[in-house]
Protein backbone atom coordinates (compact mmCIF):
# COMPACT_ATOMS: atom_id res chain seq x y z
CA MET A 1 10.31 -9.85 -6.37
CA LEU A 2 7.03 -9.80 -4.46
CA ARG A 3 7.30 -10.89 -0.86
CA THR A 4 5.79 -14.18 0.18
CA LEU A 5 2.85 -13.76 2.54
CA PRO A 6 0.84 -16.30 4.54
CA ARG A 7 -1.89 -18.18 2.75
CA PRO A 8 -5.20 -16.26 3.01
CA SER A 9 -7.69 -17.40 5.65
CA LEU A 10 -10.06 -20.11 4.48
CA ARG A 11 -12.92 -17.90 5.63
CA VAL A 12 -12.01 -15.43 2.91
CA ALA A 13 -13.36 -16.53 -0.45
CA ALA A 14 -12.29 -15.64 -3.96
CA VAL A 15 -13.83 -13.07 -6.25
CA LEU A 16 -12.77 -12.02 -9.74
CA LEU A 17 -14.23 -8.71 -10.86
CA SER A 18 -14.20 -8.35 -14.60
CA ALA A 19 -17.21 -6.89 -16.44
CA ASN A 20 -17.13 -4.24 -19.12
CA LEU A 21 -16.03 -1.25 -17.17
CA PHE A 22 -12.81 1.86 -17.58
CA ALA A 23 -11.75 5.37 -16.45
CA SER A 24 -8.21 6.63 -16.77
CA VAL A 25 -5.86 6.67 -13.80
CA SER A 26 -2.35 7.98 -13.39
CA VAL A 27 0.20 6.28 -11.16
CA SER A 28 3.76 5.07 -11.59
CA PRO A 29 4.10 1.84 -9.63
CA ALA A 30 7.46 1.00 -11.20
CA ARG A 31 10.43 2.68 -12.87
CA ALA A 32 11.22 -0.29 -15.07
CA ASN A 33 9.77 -3.44 -16.55
CA ASP A 34 10.85 -5.51 -13.55
CA SER A 35 8.55 -6.50 -10.72
CA ALA A 36 8.17 -4.11 -7.80
CA ALA A 37 6.94 -5.19 -4.38
CA GLU A 38 3.98 -3.41 -2.86
CA LEU A 39 4.58 -1.67 0.48
CA ASP A 40 1.91 -2.17 3.12
CA ALA A 41 -0.04 0.69 4.62
CA GLY A 42 -3.55 0.89 5.92
CA GLY A 43 -5.75 2.45 8.53
CA LEU A 44 -5.33 4.34 11.76
CA VAL A 45 -3.82 2.72 14.85
CA LEU A 46 -4.15 3.44 18.56
CA VAL A 47 -3.59 1.64 21.82
CA LYS A 48 -6.59 -0.58 22.49
CA ASP A 49 -9.33 1.41 24.22
CA ARG A 50 -12.41 -0.28 25.71
CA ASP A 51 -14.61 2.82 25.44
CA ILE A 52 -13.98 4.00 21.88
CA GLY A 53 -15.89 2.02 19.28
CA LEU A 54 -15.73 2.10 15.51
CA VAL A 55 -19.33 2.59 14.41
CA ARG A 56 -18.58 2.61 10.70
CA GLU A 57 -15.62 2.41 8.31
CA ASP A 58 -15.96 3.32 4.63
CA LEU A 59 -12.90 2.25 2.66
CA ARG A 60 -12.38 3.01 -1.01
CA ILE A 61 -9.42 1.44 -2.81
CA GLY A 62 -8.20 2.62 -6.20
CA LEU A 63 -4.96 2.42 -8.11
CA GLU A 64 -3.81 5.90 -7.19
CA ARG A 65 -5.87 6.86 -4.17
CA ILE A 66 -7.14 5.29 -0.96
CA THR A 67 -9.76 7.10 1.09
CA VAL A 68 -11.04 6.05 4.50
CA ARG A 69 -13.90 7.54 6.51
CA TYR A 70 -14.29 6.43 10.12
CA VAL A 71 -17.19 7.13 12.46
CA PHE A 72 -16.04 6.69 16.08
CA ARG A 73 -18.15 6.79 19.22
CA ASN A 74 -16.95 7.32 22.77
CA ARG A 75 -19.26 5.14 24.82
CA SER A 76 -18.11 6.47 28.18
CA ALA A 77 -19.56 9.41 30.11
CA SER A 78 -16.41 11.54 29.86
CA PRO A 79 -14.04 12.73 27.12
CA ARG A 80 -11.30 10.32 26.11
CA THR A 81 -8.00 11.59 24.68
CA VAL A 82 -5.78 9.04 22.98
CA ARG A 83 -2.86 9.06 20.63
CA VAL A 84 -3.85 8.14 17.08
CA ALA A 85 -1.23 7.11 14.51
CA PHE A 86 -0.94 6.36 10.81
CA PRO A 87 2.19 4.27 10.15
CA LEU A 88 3.85 4.75 6.78
CA PRO A 89 5.24 1.67 5.04
CA PRO A 90 8.76 0.85 6.30
CA ILE A 91 11.47 1.38 3.68
CA ASP A 92 14.42 -1.01 3.60
CA GLY A 93 17.13 0.65 1.55
CA ALA A 94 19.23 -2.50 1.22
CA GLU A 95 16.28 -4.21 -0.50
CA LEU A 96 14.66 -1.34 -2.37
CA SER A 97 17.29 1.20 -3.42
CA PHE A 98 17.92 -0.52 -6.76
CA SER A 99 14.51 -2.11 -7.11
CA ALA A 100 11.93 -1.14 -9.71
CA GLN A 101 9.86 0.43 -6.95
CA ASP A 102 9.09 4.14 -6.91
CA LEU A 103 7.42 6.06 -4.13
CA PRO A 104 4.46 8.29 -5.02
CA ASP A 105 6.49 11.35 -3.98
CA GLU A 106 10.20 10.79 -3.38
CA SER A 107 10.80 14.50 -2.77
CA SER A 108 8.87 14.51 0.52
CA ALA A 109 9.07 12.76 3.88
CA ASN A 110 5.31 12.40 3.44
CA PHE A 111 5.86 10.21 0.41
CA VAL A 112 2.25 8.97 0.23
CA GLY A 113 0.66 12.43 0.49
CA PHE A 114 -1.22 11.56 3.68
CA THR A 115 -3.90 14.07 4.76
CA VAL A 116 -6.44 13.85 7.58
CA ALA A 117 -9.54 15.76 8.69
CA VAL A 118 -11.62 15.48 11.88
CA ASP A 119 -15.31 16.39 11.64
CA GLY A 120 -14.51 17.99 8.30
CA ILE A 121 -11.70 20.21 9.62
CA PRO A 122 -8.19 19.51 8.25
CA LEU A 123 -5.67 18.52 10.91
CA THR A 124 -1.86 18.76 10.75
CA PRO A 125 -0.42 15.69 12.45
CA GLN A 126 3.15 15.31 13.66
CA LEU A 127 5.53 13.17 11.63
CA GLU A 128 8.02 10.97 13.44
CA GLU A 129 10.87 9.59 11.30
CA ARG A 130 13.36 7.02 12.54
CA ALA A 131 16.13 5.01 10.89
CA PHE A 132 17.62 1.65 11.83
CA LEU A 133 20.41 -0.69 10.81
CA GLY A 134 19.18 -3.98 12.17
CA ASP A 135 18.06 -3.10 15.71
CA ARG A 136 20.44 -0.15 15.99
CA GLU A 137 18.95 3.31 15.62
CA VAL A 138 21.01 5.47 13.24
CA GLY A 139 18.80 8.52 12.70
CA ASP A 140 21.04 10.89 14.64
CA LEU A 141 24.08 9.96 12.57
CA LEU A 142 22.16 10.50 9.32
CA ARG A 143 20.82 13.87 10.52
CA LYS A 144 24.35 14.88 11.51
CA HIS A 145 25.35 14.63 7.85
CA ALA A 146 22.05 16.04 6.45
CA ILE A 147 21.10 12.66 4.96
CA PRO A 148 17.36 12.04 4.40
CA LEU A 149 16.14 9.28 6.69
CA ASN A 150 14.16 7.66 3.88
CA PRO A 151 16.75 5.87 1.68
CA MET A 152 14.35 5.84 -1.31
CA ARG A 153 14.33 9.60 -1.61
CA ARG A 154 16.87 8.96 -4.33
CA ASP A 155 17.50 12.48 -5.65
CA ASP A 156 17.82 14.02 -2.18
CA LEU A 157 20.05 11.15 -1.07
CA ALA A 158 22.31 11.53 -4.10
CA LYS A 159 22.68 15.27 -3.51
CA ALA A 160 23.46 14.75 0.18
CA LEU A 161 26.06 12.06 -0.54
CA ALA A 162 27.72 14.27 -3.16
CA LYS A 163 28.27 16.97 -0.54
CA LEU A 164 29.94 14.70 2.00
CA SER A 165 33.51 15.39 3.02
CA ARG A 166 35.94 12.49 2.94
CA PRO A 167 35.86 12.03 6.75
CA ALA A 168 32.04 12.15 6.77
CA ARG A 169 31.83 9.52 4.06
CA ALA A 170 34.30 7.35 5.94
CA GLU A 171 32.18 7.63 9.08
CA LEU A 172 29.05 6.49 7.22
CA VAL A 173 30.94 3.64 5.54
CA ALA A 174 32.31 2.51 8.89
CA ALA A 175 28.77 2.54 10.27
CA LYS A 176 27.74 0.32 7.33
CA LEU A 177 25.14 2.86 6.20
CA ILE A 178 26.54 3.36 2.70
CA PRO A 179 28.77 1.19 0.46
CA GLU A 180 32.48 1.83 0.40
CA ALA A 181 32.46 2.44 -3.36
CA ALA A 182 31.63 6.12 -3.90
CA GLU A 183 29.77 5.40 -7.12
CA MET A 184 27.28 3.22 -5.22
CA GLY A 185 24.72 5.74 -4.05
CA GLU A 186 22.28 3.63 -2.07
CA GLY A 187 21.45 3.88 1.61
CA LEU A 188 21.61 0.55 3.44
CA TRP A 189 19.43 1.40 6.44
CA ARG A 190 15.71 0.94 7.13
CA SER A 191 13.43 3.91 7.69
CA GLU A 192 10.25 3.84 9.73
CA ALA A 193 7.84 6.75 9.99
CA LYS A 194 4.39 7.52 11.28
CA PHE A 195 1.99 10.42 11.52
CA HIS A 196 0.41 10.85 14.94
CA TRP A 197 -1.71 13.23 16.99
CA ASP A 198 -3.67 13.40 20.24
CA GLN A 199 -7.37 13.04 19.56
CA THR A 200 -10.14 13.82 22.04
CA PHE A 201 -13.32 11.78 21.61
CA PRO A 202 -16.29 13.62 23.17
CA PRO A 203 -18.68 11.47 25.21
CA GLY A 204 -21.94 10.28 23.75
CA ARG A 205 -21.57 11.42 20.15
CA ASP A 206 -20.00 10.39 16.89
CA LEU A 207 -16.65 11.75 15.70
CA VAL A 208 -15.77 11.49 11.99
CA VAL A 209 -12.12 11.03 10.97
CA GLU A 210 -11.25 10.94 7.27
CA HIS A 211 -7.89 10.35 5.68
CA VAL A 212 -6.52 10.04 2.17
CA TYR A 213 -3.21 8.76 0.79
CA ARG A 214 -1.60 7.30 -2.31
CA PRO A 215 -0.75 3.61 -2.03
CA VAL A 216 2.72 2.27 -2.81
CA ASN A 217 1.61 -0.27 -5.38
CA GLY A 218 3.46 -3.34 -6.54
CA SER A 219 3.80 -4.34 -10.17
CA LEU A 220 4.44 -7.68 -11.81
CA LEU A 221 4.07 -9.65 -15.02
CA ILE A 222 1.73 -12.65 -15.05
CA GLY A 223 2.11 -15.61 -17.40
CA GLU A 224 0.61 -19.05 -17.74
CA SER A 225 3.13 -20.54 -15.30
CA ASP A 226 1.86 -18.23 -12.54
CA LEU A 227 -1.67 -19.56 -12.97
CA LYS A 228 -0.36 -23.07 -12.30
CA ASP A 229 1.33 -21.90 -9.08
CA GLN A 230 -0.99 -22.62 -6.17
CA ALA A 231 0.84 -20.21 -3.87
CA PHE A 232 0.36 -17.40 -6.39
CA ARG A 233 -3.33 -18.21 -6.79
CA ALA A 234 -3.84 -18.41 -3.02
CA ARG A 235 -2.19 -15.03 -2.50
CA TYR A 236 -4.91 -13.32 -4.55
CA CYS A 237 -7.70 -15.89 -4.07
CA LEU A 238 -7.77 -16.75 -7.76
CA ASP A 239 -10.31 -19.54 -8.21
CA ASP A 240 -10.78 -21.50 -11.44
CA ALA A 241 -13.06 -18.85 -12.94
CA GLY A 242 -10.56 -16.15 -12.11
CA ALA A 243 -7.66 -18.10 -13.58
CA ALA A 244 -9.71 -18.71 -16.74
CA GLY A 245 -10.31 -14.98 -17.11
CA LEU A 246 -6.60 -14.28 -16.84
CA ARG A 247 -5.81 -17.04 -19.33
CA ARG A 248 -8.03 -15.30 -21.86
CA ILE A 249 -6.08 -12.07 -21.43
CA ILE A 250 -2.75 -13.91 -21.67
CA ALA A 251 -3.93 -15.80 -24.76
CA ALA A 252 -4.91 -12.53 -26.42
CA ALA A 253 -1.46 -11.14 -25.66
CA GLY A 254 0.12 -14.29 -27.08
CA ALA A 255 -1.71 -13.80 -30.37
CA LYS A 256 0.27 -10.63 -30.99
CA PRO A 257 3.68 -10.63 -32.70
CA VAL A 258 6.55 -11.37 -30.33
CA ASP A 259 8.01 -7.87 -30.84
CA ALA A 260 4.67 -6.45 -29.62
CA GLY A 261 4.68 -8.42 -26.40
CA GLY A 262 3.05 -11.61 -27.70
CA GLY A 263 4.30 -15.08 -28.51
CA PRO A 264 4.22 -18.42 -26.66
CA ASN A 265 5.62 -16.97 -23.44
CA ALA A 266 3.30 -13.97 -23.35
CA VAL A 267 2.73 -12.16 -20.09
CA VAL A 268 0.33 -9.43 -19.01
CA ARG A 269 0.80 -6.48 -16.69
CA ALA A 270 -0.59 -6.47 -13.16
CA VAL A 271 -0.55 -4.05 -10.24
CA VAL A 272 -1.10 -4.91 -6.58
CA VAL A 273 -2.64 -2.42 -4.14
CA PRO A 274 -2.23 -3.43 -0.47
CA TYR A 275 -4.28 -2.29 2.52
CA ILE A 276 -3.87 -3.26 6.19
CA VAL A 277 -7.33 -3.59 7.72
CA THR A 278 -6.61 -5.74 10.78
CA THR A 279 -5.41 -2.75 12.84
CA ALA A 280 -9.12 -1.96 13.38
CA ARG A 281 -9.05 -4.63 16.09
CA ASN A 282 -7.64 -1.96 18.41
CA TRP A 283 -11.03 -0.29 18.69
CA ALA A 284 -13.63 -1.49 21.22
CA GLY A 285 -15.76 -4.34 19.90
CA THR A 286 -16.43 -5.06 16.24
CA ILE A 287 -16.73 -2.57 13.38
CA GLY A 288 -20.44 -1.75 13.39
CA THR A 289 -20.56 -1.41 9.59
CA PHE A 290 -17.65 -1.98 7.25
CA ALA A 291 -18.16 -0.81 3.66
CA LEU A 292 -15.51 -1.51 1.02
CA THR A 293 -15.50 -0.07 -2.50
CA VAL A 294 -12.96 -1.24 -5.07
CA ASP A 295 -12.51 0.96 -8.14
CA LYS A 296 -10.69 -0.79 -10.95
CA GLY A 297 -10.33 2.36 -13.04
CA HIS A 298 -11.06 0.83 -16.48
CA PRO A 299 -13.92 -1.41 -17.61
CA LYS A 300 -11.64 -4.03 -19.17
CA THR A 301 -9.39 -4.39 -16.15
CA LEU A 302 -9.75 -7.58 -14.11
CA VAL A 303 -9.57 -7.37 -10.33
CA SER A 304 -9.13 -10.18 -7.82
CA LEU A 305 -9.05 -10.01 -4.02
CA CYS A 306 -9.87 -12.21 -1.06
CA ARG A 307 -13.29 -10.97 -0.09
CA ASN A 308 -16.67 -12.61 -0.55
CA GLY A 309 -19.88 -10.76 -1.40
CA LEU A 310 -18.64 -7.95 -3.66
CA VAL A 311 -21.32 -6.64 -6.00
CA LYS A 312 -21.06 -4.39 -9.03
CA THR A 313 -22.19 -0.84 -8.24
CA GLY A 314 -20.95 1.14 -11.27
CA PRO A 315 -18.98 0.92 -14.51
CA THR A 316 -15.71 0.42 -12.62
CA THR A 317 -16.74 -0.13 -9.00
CA PHE A 318 -17.63 -3.05 -6.78
CA ALA A 319 -18.78 -2.88 -3.16
CA PHE A 320 -18.93 -5.05 -0.07
CA THR A 321 -20.79 -4.18 3.13
CA VAL A 322 -20.99 -6.17 6.35
CA THR A 323 -22.13 -5.46 9.91
CA ASP A 324 -20.41 -6.42 13.17
CA PHE A 325 -17.22 -6.98 11.24
CA VAL A 326 -14.04 -8.41 12.75
CA PRO A 327 -11.16 -8.01 10.23
CA ASP A 328 -9.73 -11.46 9.59
CA ALA A 329 -7.18 -10.67 6.86
CA ASP A 330 -5.49 -7.70 5.24
CA LEU A 331 -6.34 -6.86 1.65
CA ARG A 332 -4.27 -7.24 -1.51
CA VAL A 333 -6.11 -6.12 -4.61
CA LEU A 334 -4.74 -7.50 -7.88
CA TYR A 335 -5.44 -5.42 -11.00
CA VAL A 336 -4.70 -7.06 -14.37
CA SER A 337 -4.96 -5.50 -17.82
CA PRO A 338 -3.52 -6.00 -21.30
CA ASP A 339 -3.22 -2.20 -21.42
CA ALA A 340 -0.33 -0.96 -19.25
CA GLU A 341 -1.63 2.62 -19.31
CA ALA A 342 -4.89 1.45 -17.75
CA LEU A 343 -2.78 0.41 -14.76
CA GLY A 344 -0.94 3.71 -14.66
CA ILE A 345 2.24 2.21 -16.14
CA ARG A 346 3.85 4.52 -18.67
């Protein structure tokens, strides 16, 4: 099930982006037909610094790729070196191990394929992985038994558990990290990870930092009952026009035979792409220019998000630009289509 989030700020207005626009994408937001919760990630984070300002942020959100280009300026007269971090979404094994959620790359600790470049030169950041059961850190115990700290690296976890000796398994069961039943292969801990590096900002000039990653999208089915749910509509800022657009898609699905996904209780596929933008408050002052581009991937896909002022800029793209921007809410982009493949669902 999707997690319940606070109602969007009243200063953030609704927009439904339809139009006749499509390009193919390829993601796998879910392993099954069930809903899968999106996992939040976003921009770079650092300890608040009064001298380093964010002159410009260009954010592009798509179903399978998020790219961000920052232009920073050190307004002081001397170099400033600070620690910059990119937190990965936390993974709660007790909630997600048997969910419909898949990670973009379960074979790697860098499961979102994060890359970063500074002034056009690729940089290799450090990756810090930690694991917790409640407030108790359990990473050392997992490393002792060669267990991956991310409990959703399912194949690697299964192989590691299969190699455990009986005493090792008993130790992990006693620590409440795995179920007592050997056939239950989930990890019950929570993993937290972040990329980080020390970055020097030269005085009096711009520094460009660019990063790319694959979002951990959510997936869900939307029916008529959802459009009557005010909490659901508020979550994605679906106004009356937006709800009417979705009703047309649902009605078209309902016109199909029941064995083809139609009928009176017809539903349509949707994918949610999250992005945390409020971390930009850590930079000095406002964001000089914030430019958002949303790419819906296919002309017939509908997109809804809580952001006013988006304009169509291409067959599948919409843009929003504002100056002196103070992020007031994180983004959740809802993509809806009668064609599952258009959403990357196979």
